[in-house]
Amino acid sequence: MNITAAIVMYAVTWFMTFFVVLPIRTVSQAESRKVEPGTPPGAPAQEIVGRKAWLTTLIATPIWAVICGIILSGWITVADLDWFGRMGR
């Protein structure tokens, strides 16, 4: 695995984790009963994206490290993922 692959894998892992973390504990404007004019009632009542980004980083980094460790150790290789036999073992 080269550095570019590691960076791309971290970005993919981070964004996947971010989209999982984003809706957790989000309070909508309808739930808080403070709907701003011109916004949908389902919009978040508070801006907490920065905190969620830090939480995402804390969660995604160990997940990325485990995935990289598995790939670098050789436990799972590209040949293991060849389900249709196209690589010709």
C-alpha atoms as a PDB file:
ATOM      1  CA  MET A   1       0.000   0.000   0.000  1.00  0.00           C
ATOM      2  CA  ASN A   2       1.471   3.328  -0.995  1.00  0.00           C
ATOM      3  CA  ILE A   3       0.837   6.703   0.630  1.00  0.00           C
ATOM      4  CA  THR A   4      -1.781   7.734  -1.929  1.00  0.00           C
ATOM      5  CA  ALA A   5      -3.815   4.581  -1.279  1.00  0.00           C
ATOM      6  CA  ALA A   6      -3.599   5.167   2.475  1.00  0.00           C
ATOM      7  CA  ILE A   7      -4.802   8.768   2.118  1.00  0.00           C
ATOM      8  CA  VAL A   8      -7.681   7.764  -0.157  1.00  0.00           C
ATOM      9  CA  MET A   9      -8.648   4.975   2.241  1.00  0.00           C
ATOM     10  CA  TYR A  10      -8.616   7.413   5.160  1.00  0.00           C
ATOM     11  CA  ALA A  11     -10.798   9.883   3.238  1.00  0.00           C
ATOM     12  CA  VAL A  12     -13.312   7.187   2.329  1.00  0.00           C
ATOM     13  CA  THR A  13     -13.350   5.847   5.890  1.00  0.00           C
ATOM     14  CA  TRP A  14     -13.720   9.336   7.337  1.00  0.00           C
ATOM     15  CA  PHE A  15     -16.623  10.335   5.100  1.00  0.00           C
ATOM     16  CA  MET A  16     -18.439   7.028   5.607  1.00  0.00           C
ATOM     17  CA  THR A  17     -18.096   7.481   9.365  1.00  0.00           C
ATOM     18  CA  PHE A  18     -19.153  11.125   9.097  1.00  0.00           C
ATOM     19  CA  PHE A  19     -22.395  10.217   7.356  1.00  0.00           C
ATOM     20  CA  VAL A  20     -23.112   7.673  10.091  1.00  0.00           C
ATOM     21  CA  VAL A  21     -22.318  10.121  12.920  1.00  0.00           C
ATOM     22  CA  LEU A  22     -24.088  13.143  11.417  1.00  0.00           C
ATOM     23  CA  PRO A  23     -27.704  12.233  12.285  1.00  0.00           C
ATOM     24  CA  ILE A  24     -26.912  10.983  15.806  1.00  0.00           C
ATOM     25  CA  ARG A  25     -28.480  13.179  18.523  1.00  0.00           C
ATOM     26  CA  THR A  26     -29.578  15.828  16.030  1.00  0.00           C
ATOM     27  CA  VAL A  27     -32.533  17.916  17.212  1.00  0.00           C
ATOM     28  CA  SER A  28     -34.698  19.369  14.464  1.00  0.00           C
ATOM     29  CA  GLN A  29     -36.268  22.812  14.575  1.00  0.00           C
ATOM     30  CA  ALA A  30     -39.721  21.207  14.792  1.00  0.00           C
ATOM     31  CA  GLU A  31     -38.669  19.216  17.868  1.00  0.00           C
ATOM     32  CA  SER A  32     -37.258  22.318  19.561  1.00  0.00           C
ATOM     33  CA  ARG A  33     -40.357  24.338  18.506  1.00  0.00           C
ATOM     34  CA  LYS A  34     -38.212  27.164  17.095  1.00  0.00           C
ATOM     35  CA  VAL A  35     -38.653  27.069  13.325  1.00  0.00           C
ATOM     36  CA  GLU A  36     -36.815  29.904  11.591  1.00  0.00           C
ATOM     37  CA  PRO A  37     -38.763  31.511   8.737  1.00  0.00           C
ATOM     38  CA  GLY A  38     -37.627  30.245   5.336  1.00  0.00           C
ATOM     39  CA  THR A  39     -36.173  26.970   6.634  1.00  0.00           C
ATOM     40  CA  PRO A  40     -37.738  23.508   6.664  1.00  0.00           C
ATOM     41  CA  PRO A  41     -38.937  22.226  10.054  1.00  0.00           C
ATOM     42  CA  GLY A  42     -36.654  19.186   9.731  1.00  0.00           C
ATOM     43  CA  ALA A  43     -33.512  21.341   9.614  1.00  0.00           C
ATOM     44  CA  PRO A  44     -31.179  21.051  12.622  1.00  0.00           C
ATOM     45  CA  ALA A  45     -31.858  23.517  15.424  1.00  0.00           C
ATOM     46  CA  GLN A  46     -28.171  24.001  16.280  1.00  0.00           C
ATOM     47  CA  GLU A  47     -24.998  23.972  14.246  1.00  0.00           C
ATOM     48  CA  ILE A  48     -22.842  21.192  15.670  1.00  0.00           C
ATOM     49  CA  VAL A  49     -20.959  20.079  12.564  1.00  0.00           C
ATOM     50  CA  GLY A  50     -17.545  20.942  14.054  1.00  0.00           C
ATOM     51  CA  ARG A  51     -18.102  18.716  17.075  1.00  0.00           C
ATOM     52  CA  LYS A  52     -19.355  15.910  14.832  1.00  0.00           C
ATOM     53  CA  ALA A  53     -16.251  16.279  12.635  1.00  0.00           C
ATOM     54  CA  TRP A  54     -13.984  15.829  15.664  1.00  0.00           C
ATOM     55  CA  LEU A  55     -16.016  12.832  16.819  1.00  0.00           C
ATOM     56  CA  THR A  56     -15.787  11.391  13.316  1.00  0.00           C
ATOM     57  CA  THR A  57     -12.004  11.787  13.355  1.00  0.00           C
ATOM     58  CA  LEU A  58     -11.778  10.008  16.715  1.00  0.00           C
ATOM     59  CA  ILE A  59     -13.857   7.109  15.416  1.00  0.00           C
ATOM     60  CA  ALA A  60     -12.513   6.872  11.842  1.00  0.00           C
ATOM     61  CA  THR A  61      -8.811   6.877  12.712  1.00  0.00           C
ATOM     62  CA  PRO A  62      -8.795   3.554  14.621  1.00  0.00           C
ATOM     63  CA  ILE A  63     -11.074   1.977  12.001  1.00  0.00           C
ATOM     64  CA  TRP A  64      -8.635   3.099   9.284  1.00  0.00           C
ATOM     65  CA  ALA A  65      -5.671   1.781  11.282  1.00  0.00           C
ATOM     66  CA  VAL A  66      -7.287  -1.645  11.639  1.00  0.00           C
ATOM     67  CA  ILE A  67      -8.102  -1.805   7.915  1.00  0.00           C
ATOM     68  CA  CYS A  68      -4.545  -0.771   6.990  1.00  0.00           C
ATOM     69  CA  GLY A  69      -3.136  -3.308   9.447  1.00  0.00           C
ATOM     70  CA  ILE A  70      -5.175  -6.090   7.885  1.00  0.00           C
ATOM     71  CA  ILE A  71      -4.102  -5.115   4.372  1.00  0.00           C
ATOM     72  CA  LEU A  72      -0.422  -4.695   5.242  1.00  0.00           C
ATOM     73  CA  SER A  73      -0.262  -7.941   7.230  1.00  0.00           C
ATOM     74  CA  GLY A  74      -1.532  -9.964   4.299  1.00  0.00           C
ATOM     75  CA  TRP A  75      -4.499 -11.494   6.128  1.00  0.00           C
ATOM     76  CA  ILE A  76      -6.715 -10.389   3.232  1.00  0.00           C
ATOM     77  CA  THR A  77      -5.294 -10.019  -0.267  1.00  0.00           C
ATOM     78  CA  VAL A  78      -6.757  -9.143  -3.646  1.00  0.00           C
ATOM     79  CA  ALA A  79      -6.750 -12.856  -4.517  1.00  0.00           C
ATOM     80  CA  ASP A  80      -9.027 -13.513  -1.519  1.00  0.00           C
ATOM     81  CA  LEU A  81     -11.573 -11.110  -2.997  1.00  0.00           C
ATOM     82  CA  ASP A  82     -11.559 -12.803  -6.418  1.00  0.00           C
ATOM     83  CA  TRP A  83     -14.990 -14.424  -6.117  1.00  0.00           C
ATOM     84  CA  PHE A  84     -15.409 -15.101  -9.830  1.00  0.00           C
ATOM     85  CA  GLY A  85     -11.995 -16.691 -10.448  1.00  0.00           C
ATOM     86  CA  ARG A  86     -10.805 -14.100 -12.949  1.00  0.00           C
ATOM     87  CA  MET A  87      -7.286 -13.763 -11.545  1.00  0.00           C
ATOM     88  CA  GLY A  88      -6.255 -17.352 -12.334  1.00  0.00           C
ATOM     89  CA  ARG A  89      -4.610 -18.591  -9.162  1.00  0.00           C
END
